[in-house]
Amino acid sequence: MKLLLTHVPQARRQYYGARALTRLQELVEVTLHEGAAPLDPQGVIGMARGVDFIIPDRATAIPAEVFEGLPRLKVVMRSAIDIRNIDVAAASKAGVLVTHAEAGFVQSVVELTLGLLVDLSRGVSRPVADYQTGAKPEVRVGRQLGGSTAGTIGYGRISRALAPLLATLGMKVLVSDPYAQVDDRRFIKLPLEEMLGQADYVICLAVANEETENLMDAAAFARMKPDAFFVNMSRGNLVDEAALATALSEGRIAGAAMDVGRAPDQMPSPELARLANVVATPHVGGLTPPASESQAFDTVRQVEALVRGEVPPGAANLESWARR
């Protein structure tokens, strides 16, 4: 059996890892993409002729034309939860299985979220930059997390791991998620409108779908307290960035931190990232060796199952899998 791993060399090192690649190469014949730029659909077709499986990186789209151009292709696997770069409907129509990894990044994202909360509260980034450029840093009074109120939008894996840590720091924790049951008595579940009006830190951790598109719009930012901070660790799709920029520029909220945005590859938008009251990181929440390797080995386990003739874990469209 043959497999194409589309990651460029740097992405392969950062998001896949040598150990998982070595194990893949023990199982199947692996073709590697050694170019500097991500493959376009025709590039994928050119490199994947005769392959059974493809593991695309997040910068490589797998649209309908790929399935049409690769009649031998059986499975497309993502070493991530997010499979939006794959046209799943087209894959199903073609009889190709699509799989995803589990959430091996939770701990890493939680830790970065805590770091961003501290940076927003104490202004760590700015004096560091001033010292490094030889400028005299401004001495500012910071904020204390303990005794303040955090509100999480969404109560999924990341929020469930983050909320107890916030409580341990002495924060009051509010949760807004109409679909989740909150059993921990330390946390208070509220409708989004109420939570936004009470939280000192609004942390966006909801899933990205049609219902949450632009969930944080002008009306939502208007409900926040003027001294509150907004943190987005989910997806840029949840935020009306023009509304956020206005709220930040006009001082309607105190500041924001973000690891995601609407720029390519879910990066924070440069227009927002350059604002003085913004702390931005380039979509690195899950970019640690344990997180990347955990998800890479999910694809390894999927290949192991396929080699044995079994249904792999993480299948997204199993009922449509006809190319076996």
C-alpha atoms as a PDB file:
ATOM      1  CA  MET A   1       0.000   0.000   0.000  1.00  0.00           C
ATOM      2  CA  LYS A   2       1.115   3.559  -0.728  1.00  0.00           C
ATOM      3  CA  LEU A   3       0.574   6.852   1.114  1.00  0.00           C
ATOM      4  CA  LEU A   4       1.229  10.526   0.373  1.00  0.00           C
ATOM      5  CA  LEU A   5       2.119  12.876   3.236  1.00  0.00           C
ATOM      6  CA  THR A   6       1.613  16.390   1.860  1.00  0.00           C
ATOM      7  CA  HIS A   7       3.369  18.408   4.585  1.00  0.00           C
ATOM      8  CA  VAL A   8       6.260  20.598   3.443  1.00  0.00           C
ATOM      9  CA  PRO A   9       9.489  19.696   5.322  1.00  0.00           C
ATOM     10  CA  GLN A  10       9.070  22.311   8.061  1.00  0.00           C
ATOM     11  CA  ALA A  11       5.412  21.421   8.650  1.00  0.00           C
ATOM     12  CA  ARG A  12       6.356  17.750   8.652  1.00  0.00           C
ATOM     13  CA  ARG A  13       8.838  18.370  11.455  1.00  0.00           C
ATOM     14  CA  GLN A  14       6.499  20.605  13.452  1.00  0.00           C
ATOM     15  CA  TYR A  15       3.118  18.981  12.917  1.00  0.00           C
ATOM     16  CA  TYR A  16       3.932  15.339  12.283  1.00  0.00           C
ATOM     17  CA  GLY A  17       7.281  14.335  13.729  1.00  0.00           C
ATOM     18  CA  ALA A  18      10.027  11.821  13.037  1.00  0.00           C
ATOM     19  CA  ARG A  19       8.726   8.998  15.243  1.00  0.00           C
ATOM     20  CA  ALA A  20       5.288   8.900  13.638  1.00  0.00           C
ATOM     21  CA  LEU A  21       6.823   9.126  10.161  1.00  0.00           C
ATOM     22  CA  THR A  22       9.207   6.257  10.893  1.00  0.00           C
ATOM     23  CA  ARG A  23       6.303   4.074  11.996  1.00  0.00           C
ATOM     24  CA  LEU A  24       4.321   5.002   8.879  1.00  0.00           C
ATOM     25  CA  GLN A  25       7.252   3.975   6.695  1.00  0.00           C
ATOM     26  CA  GLU A  26       7.314   0.599   8.418  1.00  0.00           C
ATOM     27  CA  LEU A  27       3.682   0.045   7.480  1.00  0.00           C
ATOM     28  CA  VAL A  28       3.353   1.405   3.939  1.00  0.00           C
ATOM     29  CA  GLU A  29       5.341   2.993   1.125  1.00  0.00           C
ATOM     30  CA  VAL A  30       5.371   6.734   1.933  1.00  0.00           C
ATOM     31  CA  THR A  31       5.801   9.556  -0.590  1.00  0.00           C
ATOM     32  CA  LEU A  32       6.951  12.854   0.941  1.00  0.00           C
ATOM     33  CA  HIS A  33       6.406  16.355  -0.399  1.00  0.00           C
ATOM     34  CA  GLU A  34       9.802  18.080  -0.367  1.00  0.00           C
ATOM     35  CA  GLY A  35       8.719  21.382  -1.917  1.00  0.00           C
ATOM     36  CA  ALA A  36       8.700  24.698  -0.064  1.00  0.00           C
ATOM     37  CA  ALA A  37       5.078  25.589  -0.853  1.00  0.00           C
ATOM     38  CA  PRO A  38       1.876  23.645  -0.117  1.00  0.00           C
ATOM     39  CA  LEU A  39       0.505  21.518  -2.949  1.00  0.00           C
ATOM     40  CA  ASP A  40      -2.462  22.776  -4.934  1.00  0.00           C
ATOM     41  CA  PRO A  41      -5.083  20.203  -6.028  1.00  0.00           C
ATOM     42  CA  GLN A  42      -3.275  19.435  -9.282  1.00  0.00           C
ATOM     43  CA  GLY A  43      -0.046  19.045  -7.349  1.00  0.00           C
ATOM     44  CA  VAL A  44      -1.752  16.577  -5.020  1.00  0.00           C
ATOM     45  CA  ILE A  45      -3.023  14.590  -7.987  1.00  0.00           C
ATOM     46  CA  GLY A  46       0.415  14.599  -9.597  1.00  0.00           C
ATOM     47  CA  MET A  47       2.144  13.282  -6.489  1.00  0.00           C
ATOM     48  CA  ALA A  48      -0.592  10.854  -5.437  1.00  0.00           C
ATOM     49  CA  ARG A  49      -1.096   8.821  -8.597  1.00  0.00           C
ATOM     50  CA  GLY A  50      -1.282   5.202  -7.511  1.00  0.00           C
ATOM     51  CA  VAL A  51      -1.520   5.909  -3.782  1.00  0.00           C
ATOM     52  CA  ASP A  52      -4.103   4.381  -1.483  1.00  0.00           C
ATOM     53  CA  PHE A  53      -4.025   6.972   1.299  1.00  0.00           C
ATOM     54  CA  ILE A  54      -3.328  10.692   1.691  1.00  0.00           C
ATOM     55  CA  ILE A  55      -2.516  12.555   4.888  1.00  0.00           C
ATOM     56  CA  PRO A  56      -2.918  16.246   3.966  1.00  0.00           C
ATOM     57  CA  ASP A  57      -1.591  19.037   6.120  1.00  0.00           C
ATOM     58  CA  ARG A  58      -3.882  21.912   7.073  1.00  0.00           C
ATOM     59  CA  ALA A  59      -2.579  24.135   4.245  1.00  0.00           C
ATOM     60  CA  THR A  60      -3.465  21.594   1.536  1.00  0.00           C
ATOM     61  CA  ALA A  61      -7.022  21.527   0.184  1.00  0.00           C
ATOM     62  CA  ILE A  62      -8.548  18.251  -0.978  1.00  0.00           C
ATOM     63  CA  PRO A  63     -11.494  19.265  -3.201  1.00  0.00           C
ATOM     64  CA  ALA A  64     -13.688  17.169  -5.507  1.00  0.00           C
ATOM     65  CA  GLU A  65     -11.193  17.238  -8.378  1.00  0.00           C
ATOM     66  CA  VAL A  66      -8.696  15.269  -6.296  1.00  0.00           C
ATOM     67  CA  PHE A  67     -11.124  12.388  -5.834  1.00  0.00           C
ATOM     68  CA  GLU A  68     -12.012  12.500  -9.505  1.00  0.00           C
ATOM     69  CA  GLY A  69      -8.355  12.494 -10.527  1.00  0.00           C
ATOM     70  CA  LEU A  70      -7.281   9.684  -8.197  1.00  0.00           C
ATOM     71  CA  PRO A  71      -9.533   6.662  -8.814  1.00  0.00           C
ATOM     72  CA  ARG A  72      -7.351   4.415  -6.643  1.00  0.00           C
ATOM     73  CA  LEU A  73      -7.495   6.689  -3.589  1.00  0.00           C
ATOM     74  CA  LYS A  74      -9.261   4.988  -0.678  1.00  0.00           C
ATOM     75  CA  VAL A  75      -8.780   7.143   2.432  1.00  0.00           C
ATOM     76  CA  VAL A  76      -7.881  10.740   3.296  1.00  0.00           C
ATOM     77  CA  MET A  77      -6.667  11.165   6.889  1.00  0.00           C
ATOM     78  CA  ARG A  78      -6.110  14.395   8.841  1.00  0.00           C
ATOM     79  CA  SER A  79      -3.758  14.480  11.818  1.00  0.00           C
ATOM     80  CA  ALA A  80      -6.187  16.997  13.350  1.00  0.00           C
ATOM     81  CA  ILE A  81      -9.838  17.284  14.318  1.00  0.00           C
ATOM     82  CA  ASP A  82     -10.477  19.983  11.718  1.00  0.00           C
ATOM     83  CA  ILE A  83     -11.271  18.391   8.332  1.00  0.00           C
ATOM     84  CA  ARG A  84     -12.633  21.509   6.650  1.00  0.00           C
ATOM     85  CA  ASN A  85      -9.820  21.508   4.064  1.00  0.00           C
ATOM     86  CA  ILE A  86     -11.324  18.252   2.748  1.00  0.00           C
ATOM     87  CA  ASP A  87     -14.519  18.274   0.689  1.00  0.00           C
ATOM     88  CA  VAL A  88     -16.204  15.531   2.703  1.00  0.00           C
ATOM     89  CA  ALA A  89     -19.352  15.572   0.559  1.00  0.00           C
ATOM     90  CA  ALA A  90     -17.266  15.023  -2.580  1.00  0.00           C
ATOM     91  CA  ALA A  91     -15.276  12.304  -0.822  1.00  0.00           C
ATOM     92  CA  SER A  92     -18.504  10.549   0.153  1.00  0.00           C
ATOM     93  CA  LYS A  93     -19.836  10.800  -3.384  1.00  0.00           C
ATOM     94  CA  ALA A  94     -16.603   9.250  -4.660  1.00  0.00           C
ATOM     95  CA  GLY A  95     -16.682   6.514  -2.008  1.00  0.00           C
ATOM     96  CA  VAL A  96     -13.522   7.748  -0.250  1.00  0.00           C
ATOM     97  CA  LEU A  97     -13.254   7.520   3.538  1.00  0.00           C
ATOM     98  CA  VAL A  98     -12.282  10.655   5.492  1.00  0.00           C
ATOM     99  CA  THR A  99     -10.848  10.358   9.000  1.00  0.00           C
ATOM    100  CA  HIS A 100      -9.731  12.778  11.684  1.00  0.00           C
ATOM    101  CA  ALA A 101      -7.548  12.618  14.776  1.00  0.00           C
ATOM    102  CA  GLU A 102      -8.585  13.044  18.387  1.00  0.00           C
ATOM    103  CA  ALA A 103      -7.996  16.183  20.454  1.00  0.00           C
ATOM    104  CA  GLY A 104      -4.407  15.593  21.500  1.00  0.00           C
ATOM    105  CA  PHE A 105      -3.802  19.337  21.743  1.00  0.00           C
ATOM    106  CA  VAL A 106      -5.994  20.162  24.753  1.00  0.00           C
ATOM    107  CA  GLN A 107      -3.252  20.557  27.360  1.00  0.00           C
ATOM    108  CA  SER A 108      -1.113  22.675  25.046  1.00  0.00           C
ATOM    109  CA  VAL A 109      -3.990  25.025  24.175  1.00  0.00           C
ATOM    110  CA  VAL A 110      -4.961  25.350  27.836  1.00  0.00           C
ATOM    111  CA  GLU A 111      -1.414  26.317  28.782  1.00  0.00           C
ATOM    112  CA  LEU A 112      -1.185  28.953  26.034  1.00  0.00           C
ATOM    113  CA  THR A 113      -4.563  30.346  27.102  1.00  0.00           C
ATOM    114  CA  LEU A 114      -3.263  30.812  30.634  1.00  0.00           C
ATOM    115  CA  GLY A 115      -0.181  32.544  29.244  1.00  0.00           C
ATOM    116  CA  LEU A 116      -2.287  34.934  27.181  1.00  0.00           C
ATOM    117  CA  LEU A 117      -4.479  35.729  30.188  1.00  0.00           C
ATOM    118  CA  VAL A 118      -1.386  36.639  32.199  1.00  0.00           C
ATOM    119  CA  ASP A 119       0.023  38.688  29.321  1.00  0.00           C
ATOM    120  CA  LEU A 120      -3.218  40.645  28.912  1.00  0.00           C
ATOM    121  CA  SER A 121      -3.438  41.255  32.649  1.00  0.00           C
ATOM    122  CA  ARG A 122       0.175  42.167  33.354  1.00  0.00           C
ATOM    123  CA  GLY A 123       1.386  43.498  29.995  1.00  0.00           C
ATOM    124  CA  VAL A 124       4.318  41.105  29.668  1.00  0.00           C
ATOM    125  CA  SER A 125       4.904  41.426  25.922  1.00  0.00           C
ATOM    126  CA  ARG A 126       5.292  45.208  25.682  1.00  0.00           C
ATOM    127  CA  PRO A 127       8.069  45.795  28.224  1.00  0.00           C
ATOM    128  CA  VAL A 128       9.929  42.775  26.856  1.00  0.00           C
ATOM    129  CA  ALA A 129       9.783  44.317  23.354  1.00  0.00           C
ATOM    130  CA  ASP A 130      10.838  47.711  24.760  1.00  0.00           C
ATOM    131  CA  TYR A 131      13.835  46.261  26.571  1.00  0.00           C
ATOM    132  CA  GLN A 132      14.903  44.347  23.468  1.00  0.00           C
ATOM    133  CA  THR A 133      14.789  47.460  21.283  1.00  0.00           C
ATOM    134  CA  GLY A 134      16.574  49.612  23.853  1.00  0.00           C
ATOM    135  CA  ALA A 135      13.487  51.662  24.723  1.00  0.00           C
ATOM    136  CA  LYS A 136      12.509  52.512  28.274  1.00  0.00           C
ATOM    137  CA  PRO A 137       9.445  50.449  29.202  1.00  0.00           C
ATOM    138  CA  GLU A 138       6.418  52.083  30.729  1.00  0.00           C
ATOM    139  CA  VAL A 139       5.606  50.934  34.243  1.00  0.00           C
ATOM    140  CA  ARG A 140       1.913  50.049  34.366  1.00  0.00           C
ATOM    141  CA  VAL A 141      -0.354  48.760  37.102  1.00  0.00           C
ATOM    142  CA  GLY A 142      -1.487  45.268  36.167  1.00  0.00           C
ATOM    143  CA  ARG A 143      -4.560  43.211  36.844  1.00  0.00           C
ATOM    144  CA  GLN A 144      -4.812  40.136  39.058  1.00  0.00           C
ATOM    145  CA  LEU A 145      -6.530  37.019  37.776  1.00  0.00           C
ATOM    146  CA  GLY A 146      -7.461  35.872  41.263  1.00  0.00           C
ATOM    147  CA  GLY A 147     -10.707  37.514  42.338  1.00  0.00           C
ATOM    148  CA  SER A 148     -11.790  38.336  38.791  1.00  0.00           C
ATOM    149  CA  THR A 149     -14.420  36.611  36.637  1.00  0.00           C
ATOM    150  CA  ALA A 150     -13.745  34.457  33.586  1.00  0.00           C
ATOM    151  CA  GLY A 151     -16.456  33.482  31.142  1.00  0.00           C
ATOM    152  CA  THR A 152     -15.975  30.675  28.640  1.00  0.00           C
ATOM    153  CA  ILE A 153     -18.004  30.461  25.444  1.00  0.00           C
ATOM    154  CA  GLY A 154     -18.391  26.732  24.875  1.00  0.00           C
ATOM    155  CA  TYR A 155     -17.884  23.865  27.300  1.00  0.00           C
ATOM    156  CA  GLY A 156     -15.995  21.298  25.274  1.00  0.00           C
ATOM    157  CA  ARG A 157     -12.707  19.541  25.933  1.00  0.00           C
ATOM    158  CA  ILE A 158     -10.571  22.662  26.232  1.00  0.00           C
ATOM    159  CA  SER A 159     -13.023  24.576  28.378  1.00  0.00           C
ATOM    160  CA  ARG A 160     -13.515  21.591  30.690  1.00  0.00           C
ATOM    161  CA  ALA A 161      -9.745  21.379  31.187  1.00  0.00           C
ATOM    162  CA  LEU A 162      -9.262  25.143  31.540  1.00  0.00           C
ATOM    163  CA  ALA A 163     -12.130  25.974  33.900  1.00  0.00           C
ATOM    164  CA  PRO A 164     -10.797  24.046  36.946  1.00  0.00           C
ATOM    165  CA  LEU A 165      -7.423  25.771  36.587  1.00  0.00           C
ATOM    166  CA  LEU A 166      -9.092  29.177  36.495  1.00  0.00           C
ATOM    167  CA  ALA A 167     -11.045  28.262  39.619  1.00  0.00           C
ATOM    168  CA  THR A 168      -7.843  27.139  41.333  1.00  0.00           C
ATOM    169  CA  LEU A 169      -6.358  30.562  40.582  1.00  0.00           C
ATOM    170  CA  GLY A 170      -9.250  32.073  42.495  1.00  0.00           C
ATOM    171  CA  MET A 171     -11.339  33.164  39.551  1.00  0.00           C
ATOM    172  CA  LYS A 172     -15.110  33.005  39.385  1.00  0.00           C
ATOM    173  CA  VAL A 173     -15.940  30.870  36.342  1.00  0.00           C
ATOM    174  CA  LEU A 174     -18.998  31.402  34.152  1.00  0.00           C
ATOM    175  CA  VAL A 175     -19.903  29.050  31.317  1.00  0.00           C
ATOM    176  CA  SER A 176     -22.110  29.739  28.310  1.00  0.00           C
ATOM    177  CA  ASP A 177     -23.037  26.703  26.224  1.00  0.00           C
ATOM    178  CA  PRO A 178     -26.682  25.903  25.400  1.00  0.00           C
ATOM    179  CA  TYR A 179     -25.836  22.295  24.554  1.00  0.00           C
ATOM    180  CA  ALA A 180     -23.654  21.316  27.511  1.00  0.00           C
ATOM    181  CA  GLN A 181     -24.509  20.254  31.031  1.00  0.00           C
ATOM    182  CA  VAL A 182     -22.302  21.845  33.680  1.00  0.00           C
ATOM    183  CA  ASP A 183     -22.132  19.585  36.717  1.00  0.00           C
ATOM    184  CA  ASP A 184     -19.161  21.148  38.504  1.00  0.00           C
ATOM    185  CA  ARG A 185     -20.624  23.303  41.278  1.00  0.00           C
ATOM    186  CA  ARG A 186     -17.701  25.723  41.062  1.00  0.00           C
ATOM    187  CA  PHE A 187     -18.967  26.968  37.687  1.00  0.00           C
ATOM    188  CA  ILE A 188     -22.090  28.951  36.869  1.00  0.00           C
ATOM    189  CA  LYS A 189     -23.900  28.388  33.577  1.00  0.00           C
ATOM    190  CA  LEU A 190     -25.423  31.494  32.032  1.00  0.00           C
ATOM    191  CA  PRO A 191     -26.901  32.571  28.700  1.00  0.00           C
ATOM    192  CA  LEU A 192     -24.295  34.267  26.537  1.00  0.00           C
ATOM    193  CA  GLU A 193     -25.820  37.742  26.902  1.00  0.00           C
ATOM    194  CA  GLU A 194     -25.644  37.579  30.702  1.00  0.00           C
ATOM    195  CA  MET A 195     -22.173  36.085  30.771  1.00  0.00           C
ATOM    196  CA  LEU A 196     -20.767  38.785  28.494  1.00  0.00           C
ATOM    197  CA  GLY A 197     -22.008  41.478  30.847  1.00  0.00           C
ATOM    198  CA  GLN A 198     -20.394  39.928  33.928  1.00  0.00           C
ATOM    199  CA  ALA A 199     -17.047  38.532  32.784  1.00  0.00           C
ATOM    200  CA  ASP A 200     -13.718  40.327  33.134  1.00  0.00           C
ATOM    201  CA  TYR A 201     -12.249  37.850  30.643  1.00  0.00           C
ATOM    202  CA  VAL A 202     -14.373  36.376  27.838  1.00  0.00           C
ATOM    203  CA  ILE A 203     -12.669  33.266  26.450  1.00  0.00           C
ATOM    204  CA  CYS A 204     -13.989  31.944  23.140  1.00  0.00           C
ATOM    205  CA  LEU A 205     -13.728  28.134  22.953  1.00  0.00           C
ATOM    206  CA  ALA A 206     -16.872  27.187  21.008  1.00  0.00           C
ATOM    207  CA  VAL A 207     -16.874  25.014  17.897  1.00  0.00           C
ATOM    208  CA  ALA A 208     -16.906  26.691  14.498  1.00  0.00           C
ATOM    209  CA  ASN A 209     -20.069  25.972  12.522  1.00  0.00           C
ATOM    210  CA  GLU A 210     -22.901  27.833  10.831  1.00  0.00           C
ATOM    211  CA  GLU A 211     -24.574  28.586  14.146  1.00  0.00           C
ATOM    212  CA  THR A 212     -21.454  30.182  15.654  1.00  0.00           C
ATOM    213  CA  GLU A 213     -20.384  32.161  12.559  1.00  0.00           C
ATOM    214  CA  ASN A 214     -19.771  35.755  13.765  1.00  0.00           C
ATOM    215  CA  LEU A 215     -21.123  34.814  17.187  1.00  0.00           C
ATOM    216  CA  MET A 216     -19.042  37.646  18.620  1.00  0.00           C
ATOM    217  CA  ASP A 217     -20.432  40.577  16.652  1.00  0.00           C
ATOM    218  CA  ALA A 218     -20.893  44.280  17.429  1.00  0.00           C
ATOM    219  CA  ALA A 219     -23.834  43.571  19.720  1.00  0.00           C
ATOM    220  CA  ALA A 220     -21.847  40.973  21.660  1.00  0.00           C
ATOM    221  CA  PHE A 221     -18.859  43.261  22.161  1.00  0.00           C
ATOM    222  CA  ALA A 222     -21.238  46.040  23.243  1.00  0.00           C
ATOM    223  CA  ARG A 223     -22.476  43.787  26.063  1.00  0.00           C
ATOM    224  CA  MET A 224     -18.951  43.328  27.459  1.00  0.00           C
ATOM    225  CA  LYS A 225     -17.669  45.559  30.244  1.00  0.00           C
ATOM    226  CA  PRO A 226     -15.366  48.367  29.054  1.00  0.00           C
ATOM    227  CA  ASP A 227     -12.522  47.011  31.206  1.00  0.00           C
ATOM    228  CA  ALA A 228     -12.989  43.397  30.036  1.00  0.00           C
ATOM    229  CA  PHE A 229     -10.651  41.412  27.807  1.00  0.00           C
ATOM    230  CA  PHE A 230     -11.612  39.095  24.928  1.00  0.00           C
ATOM    231  CA  VAL A 231      -9.598  35.940  24.160  1.00  0.00           C
ATOM    232  CA  ASN A 232     -10.139  33.773  21.059  1.00  0.00           C
ATOM    233  CA  MET A 233      -8.639  30.279  21.119  1.00  0.00           C
ATOM    234  CA  SER A 234     -11.251  28.640  18.870  1.00  0.00           C
ATOM    235  CA  ARG A 235     -11.525  29.795  15.238  1.00  0.00           C
ATOM    236  CA  GLY A 236     -11.556  33.149  13.502  1.00  0.00           C
ATOM    237  CA  ASN A 237     -14.980  32.320  12.063  1.00  0.00           C
ATOM    238  CA  LEU A 238     -16.629  33.020  15.403  1.00  0.00           C
ATOM    239  CA  VAL A 239     -15.616  36.686  15.394  1.00  0.00           C
ATOM    240  CA  ASP A 240     -16.788  39.657  13.355  1.00  0.00           C
ATOM    241  CA  GLU A 241     -13.310  41.121  13.063  1.00  0.00           C
ATOM    242  CA  ALA A 242     -14.484  44.561  11.954  1.00  0.00           C
ATOM    243  CA  ALA A 243     -16.638  44.775  15.072  1.00  0.00           C
ATOM    244  CA  LEU A 244     -13.743  43.617  17.260  1.00  0.00           C
ATOM    245  CA  ALA A 245     -11.390  46.145  15.678  1.00  0.00           C
ATOM    246  CA  THR A 246     -13.890  48.916  16.351  1.00  0.00           C
ATOM    247  CA  ALA A 247     -14.399  47.837  19.965  1.00  0.00           C
ATOM    248  CA  LEU A 248     -10.638  47.764  20.517  1.00  0.00           C
ATOM    249  CA  SER A 249      -9.841  51.008  18.698  1.00  0.00           C
ATOM    250  CA  GLU A 250     -12.593  52.948  20.431  1.00  0.00           C
ATOM    251  CA  GLY A 251     -11.805  51.563  23.884  1.00  0.00           C
ATOM    252  CA  ARG A 252     -15.140  49.801  24.266  1.00  0.00           C
ATOM    253  CA  ILE A 253     -13.221  46.806  25.668  1.00  0.00           C
ATOM    254  CA  ALA A 254      -9.798  46.827  27.319  1.00  0.00           C
ATOM    255  CA  GLY A 255      -7.987  44.492  24.948  1.00  0.00           C
ATOM    256  CA  ALA A 256      -7.869  41.118  23.261  1.00  0.00           C
ATOM    257  CA  ALA A 257      -5.654  38.096  22.811  1.00  0.00           C
ATOM    258  CA  MET A 258      -5.923  35.642  19.955  1.00  0.00           C
ATOM    259  CA  ASP A 259      -4.189  32.584  18.562  1.00  0.00           C
ATOM    260  CA  VAL A 260      -6.566  32.365  15.598  1.00  0.00           C
ATOM    261  CA  GLY A 261      -8.217  34.609  13.050  1.00  0.00           C
ATOM    262  CA  ARG A 262      -9.460  34.950   9.497  1.00  0.00           C
ATOM    263  CA  ALA A 263      -6.053  35.246   7.852  1.00  0.00           C
ATOM    264  CA  PRO A 264      -4.787  32.231   5.837  1.00  0.00           C
ATOM    265  CA  ASP A 265      -4.210  29.070   7.871  1.00  0.00           C
ATOM    266  CA  GLN A 266      -6.490  30.471  10.614  1.00  0.00           C
ATOM    267  CA  MET A 267      -3.826  32.971  11.623  1.00  0.00           C
ATOM    268  CA  PRO A 268      -4.752  36.182  13.464  1.00  0.00           C
ATOM    269  CA  SER A 269      -5.484  38.969  10.998  1.00  0.00           C
ATOM    270  CA  PRO A 270      -2.529  41.407  10.781  1.00  0.00           C
ATOM    271  CA  GLU A 271      -4.885  44.388  11.034  1.00  0.00           C
ATOM    272  CA  LEU A 272      -5.996  43.199  14.471  1.00  0.00           C
ATOM    273  CA  ALA A 273      -2.652  41.822  15.624  1.00  0.00           C
ATOM    274  CA  ARG A 274      -0.903  45.170  15.172  1.00  0.00           C
ATOM    275  CA  LEU A 275      -3.268  47.037  17.525  1.00  0.00           C
ATOM    276  CA  ALA A 276      -1.605  48.233  20.721  1.00  0.00           C
ATOM    277  CA  ASN A 277      -4.120  46.514  23.016  1.00  0.00           C
ATOM    278  CA  VAL A 278      -3.860  43.128  21.297  1.00  0.00           C
ATOM    279  CA  VAL A 279      -1.630  40.131  22.071  1.00  0.00           C
ATOM    280  CA  ALA A 280      -1.502  37.723  19.122  1.00  0.00           C
ATOM    281  CA  THR A 281       0.239  34.417  18.503  1.00  0.00           C
ATOM    282  CA  PRO A 282       0.406  32.739  15.049  1.00  0.00           C
ATOM    283  CA  HIS A 283      -1.961  29.777  15.564  1.00  0.00           C
ATOM    284  CA  VAL A 284       0.480  27.855  17.743  1.00  0.00           C
ATOM    285  CA  GLY A 285      -1.910  26.700  20.463  1.00  0.00           C
ATOM    286  CA  GLY A 286      -1.411  23.039  19.623  1.00  0.00           C
ATOM    287  CA  LEU A 287       2.137  23.385  18.346  1.00  0.00           C
ATOM    288  CA  THR A 288       4.078  21.402  20.922  1.00  0.00           C
ATOM    289  CA  PRO A 289       5.768  18.040  20.335  1.00  0.00           C
ATOM    290  CA  PRO A 290       3.377  16.086  22.610  1.00  0.00           C
ATOM    291  CA  ALA A 291       0.306  17.592  20.930  1.00  0.00           C
ATOM    292  CA  SER A 292       1.536  17.152  17.362  1.00  0.00           C
ATOM    293  CA  GLU A 293       2.831  13.653  17.979  1.00  0.00           C
ATOM    294  CA  SER A 294      -0.402  12.576  19.679  1.00  0.00           C
ATOM    295  CA  GLN A 295      -2.445  13.482  16.626  1.00  0.00           C
ATOM    296  CA  ALA A 296       0.140  12.153  14.174  1.00  0.00           C
ATOM    297  CA  PHE A 297       0.047   8.773  15.912  1.00  0.00           C
ATOM    298  CA  ASP A 298      -3.727   8.769  15.539  1.00  0.00           C
ATOM    299  CA  THR A 299      -3.158   8.583  11.775  1.00  0.00           C
ATOM    300  CA  VAL A 300      -0.550   5.875  12.325  1.00  0.00           C
ATOM    301  CA  ARG A 301      -3.136   3.827  14.212  1.00  0.00           C
ATOM    302  CA  GLN A 302      -5.581   4.400  11.374  1.00  0.00           C
ATOM    303  CA  VAL A 303      -3.056   3.089   8.844  1.00  0.00           C
ATOM    304  CA  GLU A 304      -2.345   0.099  11.082  1.00  0.00           C
ATOM    305  CA  ALA A 305      -6.058  -0.729  11.067  1.00  0.00           C
ATOM    306  CA  LEU A 306      -6.298  -0.292   7.288  1.00  0.00           C
ATOM    307  CA  VAL A 307      -3.322  -2.581   6.704  1.00  0.00           C
ATOM    308  CA  ARG A 308      -5.081  -5.216   8.813  1.00  0.00           C
ATOM    309  CA  GLY A 309      -8.233  -4.769   6.737  1.00  0.00           C
ATOM    310  CA  GLU A 310     -10.145  -3.140   9.596  1.00  0.00           C
ATOM    311  CA  VAL A 311     -12.197   0.038   9.827  1.00  0.00           C
ATOM    312  CA  PRO A 312      -9.918   2.781  11.181  1.00  0.00           C
ATOM    313  CA  PRO A 313     -10.833   4.937  14.169  1.00  0.00           C
ATOM    314  CA  GLY A 314     -11.878   8.526  13.545  1.00  0.00           C
ATOM    315  CA  ALA A 315     -14.035   7.831  10.466  1.00  0.00           C
ATOM    316  CA  ALA A 316     -16.182  10.827   9.466  1.00  0.00           C
ATOM    317  CA  ASN A 317     -18.206   9.282   6.612  1.00  0.00           C
ATOM    318  CA  LEU A 318     -18.015   5.532   7.131  1.00  0.00           C
ATOM    319  CA  GLU A 319     -21.443   4.902   5.583  1.00  0.00           C
ATOM    320  CA  SER A 320     -20.165   6.255   2.243  1.00  0.00           C
ATOM    321  CA  TRP A 321     -16.893   4.305   2.099  1.00  0.00           C
ATOM    322  CA  ALA A 322     -17.070   2.269  -1.098  1.00  0.00           C
ATOM    323  CA  ARG A 323     -13.448   2.307  -2.270  1.00  0.00           C
ATOM    324  CA  ARG A 324     -11.950  -0.462  -0.144  1.00  0.00           C
END
